[in-house]
Amino acid sequence: MKIEIIALDLEGTLISNAISQIPRPHLYEFLEGCKAITKHVVMFTTVREEKFRQIARLLVSESVAPDWFERMEYVEWDGHKKDLCLINDCNIESTVLVDDVEAYVEAGQEPQWLEIEQFASPYSDNDTELVSMLRRLQESNCTQ
């Protein structure tokens, strides 16, 4: 599948949570790797946009996320499921959702979900989930 859109969850996927905001190891490299796969990388999170932007600015200022992260597209949604149809210019077959919580996956969109292990306490500096996920995204993108 040629990946055209990568939708990313925030809490438990890229960072610990919106309170402690501990960045997952290899975050910068993962984000840059996603951008190398496709220019259309979006934030699809339960965290409200204002709070996400605040967290993103902090991560960029700490040099653990690239500059574009604080300006990335944010998907506005309300409900219990992350419906990929809410993403601008979305073709579901070429869109993936990287998320740690299966309960947020919209019915019928399960093939688009790439599950990542939750980044939870105790927060290990040896966590390599983002490295593994980037490899998985790269391999998926090469498979036609």
Protein backbone atom coordinates (compact mmCIF):
# COMPACT_ATOMS: atom_id res chain seq x y z
CA MET A 1 0.00 0.00 0.00
CA LYS A 2 1.24 3.47 -0.82
CA ILE A 3 0.66 5.52 2.33
CA GLU A 4 -0.73 8.99 1.60
CA ILE A 5 -1.78 10.01 5.13
CA ILE A 6 -0.40 9.06 8.54
CA ALA A 7 -2.72 9.92 11.45
CA LEU A 8 -0.97 9.95 14.81
CA ASP A 9 -2.36 9.65 18.31
CA LEU A 10 -0.65 11.71 21.02
CA GLU A 11 -1.16 10.27 24.51
CA GLY A 12 0.32 6.83 25.06
CA THR A 13 1.68 6.87 21.51
CA LEU A 14 4.04 9.85 21.10
CA ILE A 15 4.12 11.04 24.72
CA SER A 16 3.16 9.71 28.13
CA ASN A 17 0.03 11.83 28.57
CA ALA A 18 -1.11 15.46 28.43
CA ILE A 19 -0.28 15.99 32.11
CA SER A 20 3.30 14.68 32.43
CA GLN A 21 4.13 15.17 28.71
CA ILE A 22 7.13 12.83 28.73
CA PRO A 23 8.27 12.33 25.12
CA ARG A 24 8.64 8.76 23.95
CA PRO A 25 12.23 7.84 23.04
CA HIS A 26 13.08 8.31 19.34
CA LEU A 27 10.18 10.75 18.84
CA TYR A 28 12.12 13.17 16.61
CA GLU A 29 13.40 10.42 14.32
CA PHE A 30 9.95 8.83 14.13
CA LEU A 31 8.25 12.08 13.16
CA GLU A 32 10.86 12.87 10.53
CA GLY A 33 10.55 9.33 9.20
CA CYS A 34 6.79 9.74 8.90
CA LYS A 35 7.29 12.99 6.99
CA ALA A 36 9.73 11.21 4.64
CA ILE A 37 6.99 8.66 3.84
CA THR A 38 4.29 11.28 3.21
CA LYS A 39 3.94 15.03 3.60
CA HIS A 40 0.41 14.52 5.00
CA VAL A 41 0.97 13.66 8.67
CA VAL A 42 -1.90 14.65 10.98
CA MET A 43 -2.65 14.68 14.70
CA PHE A 44 -5.73 12.64 15.66
CA THR A 45 -6.02 12.78 19.45
CA THR A 46 -8.52 13.15 22.27
CA VAL A 47 -6.44 16.08 23.53
CA ARG A 48 -8.04 19.41 22.56
CA GLU A 49 -6.18 21.41 19.93
CA GLU A 50 -5.13 24.26 22.24
CA LYS A 51 -3.52 21.79 24.66
CA PHE A 52 -1.93 19.82 21.81
CA ARG A 53 -0.37 23.04 20.40
CA GLN A 54 1.00 23.89 23.86
CA ILE A 55 2.53 20.41 24.21
CA ALA A 56 3.89 20.53 20.65
CA ARG A 57 5.58 23.91 21.27
CA LEU A 58 7.21 22.48 24.39
CA LEU A 59 8.48 19.38 22.56
CA VAL A 60 9.86 21.51 19.72
CA SER A 61 11.54 23.92 22.19
CA GLU A 62 13.17 20.91 23.87
CA SER A 63 14.38 19.68 20.44
CA VAL A 64 12.62 16.33 20.81
CA ALA A 65 10.24 17.10 17.91
CA PRO A 66 10.89 18.85 14.57
CA ASP A 67 9.68 22.43 13.99
CA TRP A 68 6.79 21.37 11.76
CA PHE A 69 5.25 19.33 14.59
CA GLU A 70 3.72 22.39 16.26
CA ARG A 71 2.07 23.46 12.97
CA MET A 72 0.86 20.07 11.78
CA GLU A 73 -2.74 19.50 10.77
CA TYR A 74 -5.01 18.74 13.71
CA VAL A 75 -8.14 16.65 13.10
CA GLU A 76 -11.22 18.15 14.76
CA TRP A 77 -13.56 15.42 15.98
CA ASP A 78 -16.12 14.70 18.61
CA GLY A 79 -17.34 11.30 19.60
CA HIS A 80 -15.98 7.94 20.60
CA LYS A 81 -14.28 6.78 17.39
CA LYS A 82 -11.51 8.20 15.22
CA ASP A 83 -13.21 8.15 11.82
CA LEU A 84 -10.52 8.62 9.17
CA CYS A 85 -13.14 10.22 6.89
CA LEU A 86 -12.75 13.36 9.04
CA ILE A 87 -9.24 13.93 7.66
CA ASN A 88 -9.00 16.41 4.77
CA ASP A 89 -8.52 14.72 1.38
CA CYS A 90 -8.64 11.27 2.96
CA ASN A 91 -8.67 8.11 0.89
CA ILE A 92 -9.16 5.52 3.64
CA GLU A 93 -7.31 2.75 1.78
CA SER A 94 -4.11 4.85 1.73
CA THR A 95 -4.43 6.23 5.27
CA VAL A 96 -3.11 4.67 8.48
CA LEU A 97 -3.83 5.42 12.13
CA VAL A 98 -1.01 4.87 14.62
CA ASP A 99 -2.70 4.49 18.01
CA ASP A 100 -2.38 2.49 21.22
CA VAL A 101 -6.13 2.17 21.90
CA GLU A 102 -8.22 -0.19 19.78
CA ALA A 103 -11.47 1.22 21.20
CA TYR A 104 -10.96 4.42 19.15
CA VAL A 105 -10.79 2.60 15.81
CA GLU A 106 -13.89 3.20 13.66
CA ALA A 107 -15.78 0.05 12.65
CA GLY A 108 -14.68 -1.05 9.19
CA GLN A 109 -11.37 0.83 9.46
CA GLU A 110 -9.52 -1.83 11.45
CA PRO A 111 -7.16 -2.66 8.54
CA GLN A 112 -5.91 0.95 8.67
CA TRP A 113 -5.02 0.73 12.37
CA LEU A 114 -1.39 0.17 13.27
CA GLU A 115 -1.31 -0.74 16.94
CA ILE A 116 1.55 0.57 19.03
CA GLU A 117 2.23 -0.52 22.59
CA GLN A 118 1.14 2.11 25.09
CA PHE A 119 3.93 4.32 26.46
CA ALA A 120 3.15 3.99 30.15
CA SER A 121 4.82 4.17 33.54
CA PRO A 122 7.54 3.29 34.26
CA TYR A 123 8.75 5.30 31.24
CA SER A 124 11.80 3.51 29.91
CA ASP A 125 14.55 5.32 28.01
CA ASN A 126 15.05 1.97 26.25
CA ASP A 127 11.57 2.01 24.66
CA THR A 128 11.95 1.30 20.92
CA GLU A 129 8.29 1.16 19.87
CA LEU A 130 8.60 4.24 17.64
CA VAL A 131 11.63 2.74 15.89
CA SER A 132 9.69 -0.47 15.26
CA MET A 133 6.60 1.43 14.10
CA LEU A 134 8.62 3.55 11.68
CA ARG A 135 10.11 0.38 10.19
CA ARG A 136 6.59 -1.06 9.88
CA LEU A 137 5.35 2.11 8.14
CA GLN A 138 8.31 2.06 5.75
CA GLU A 139 7.72 -1.60 4.91
CA SER A 140 3.98 -1.03 4.43
CA ASN A 141 4.70 1.90 2.14
CA CYS A 142 6.99 -0.23 -0.04
CA THR A 143 4.46 -3.03 -0.42
CA GLN A 144 2.27 -2.34 -3.43
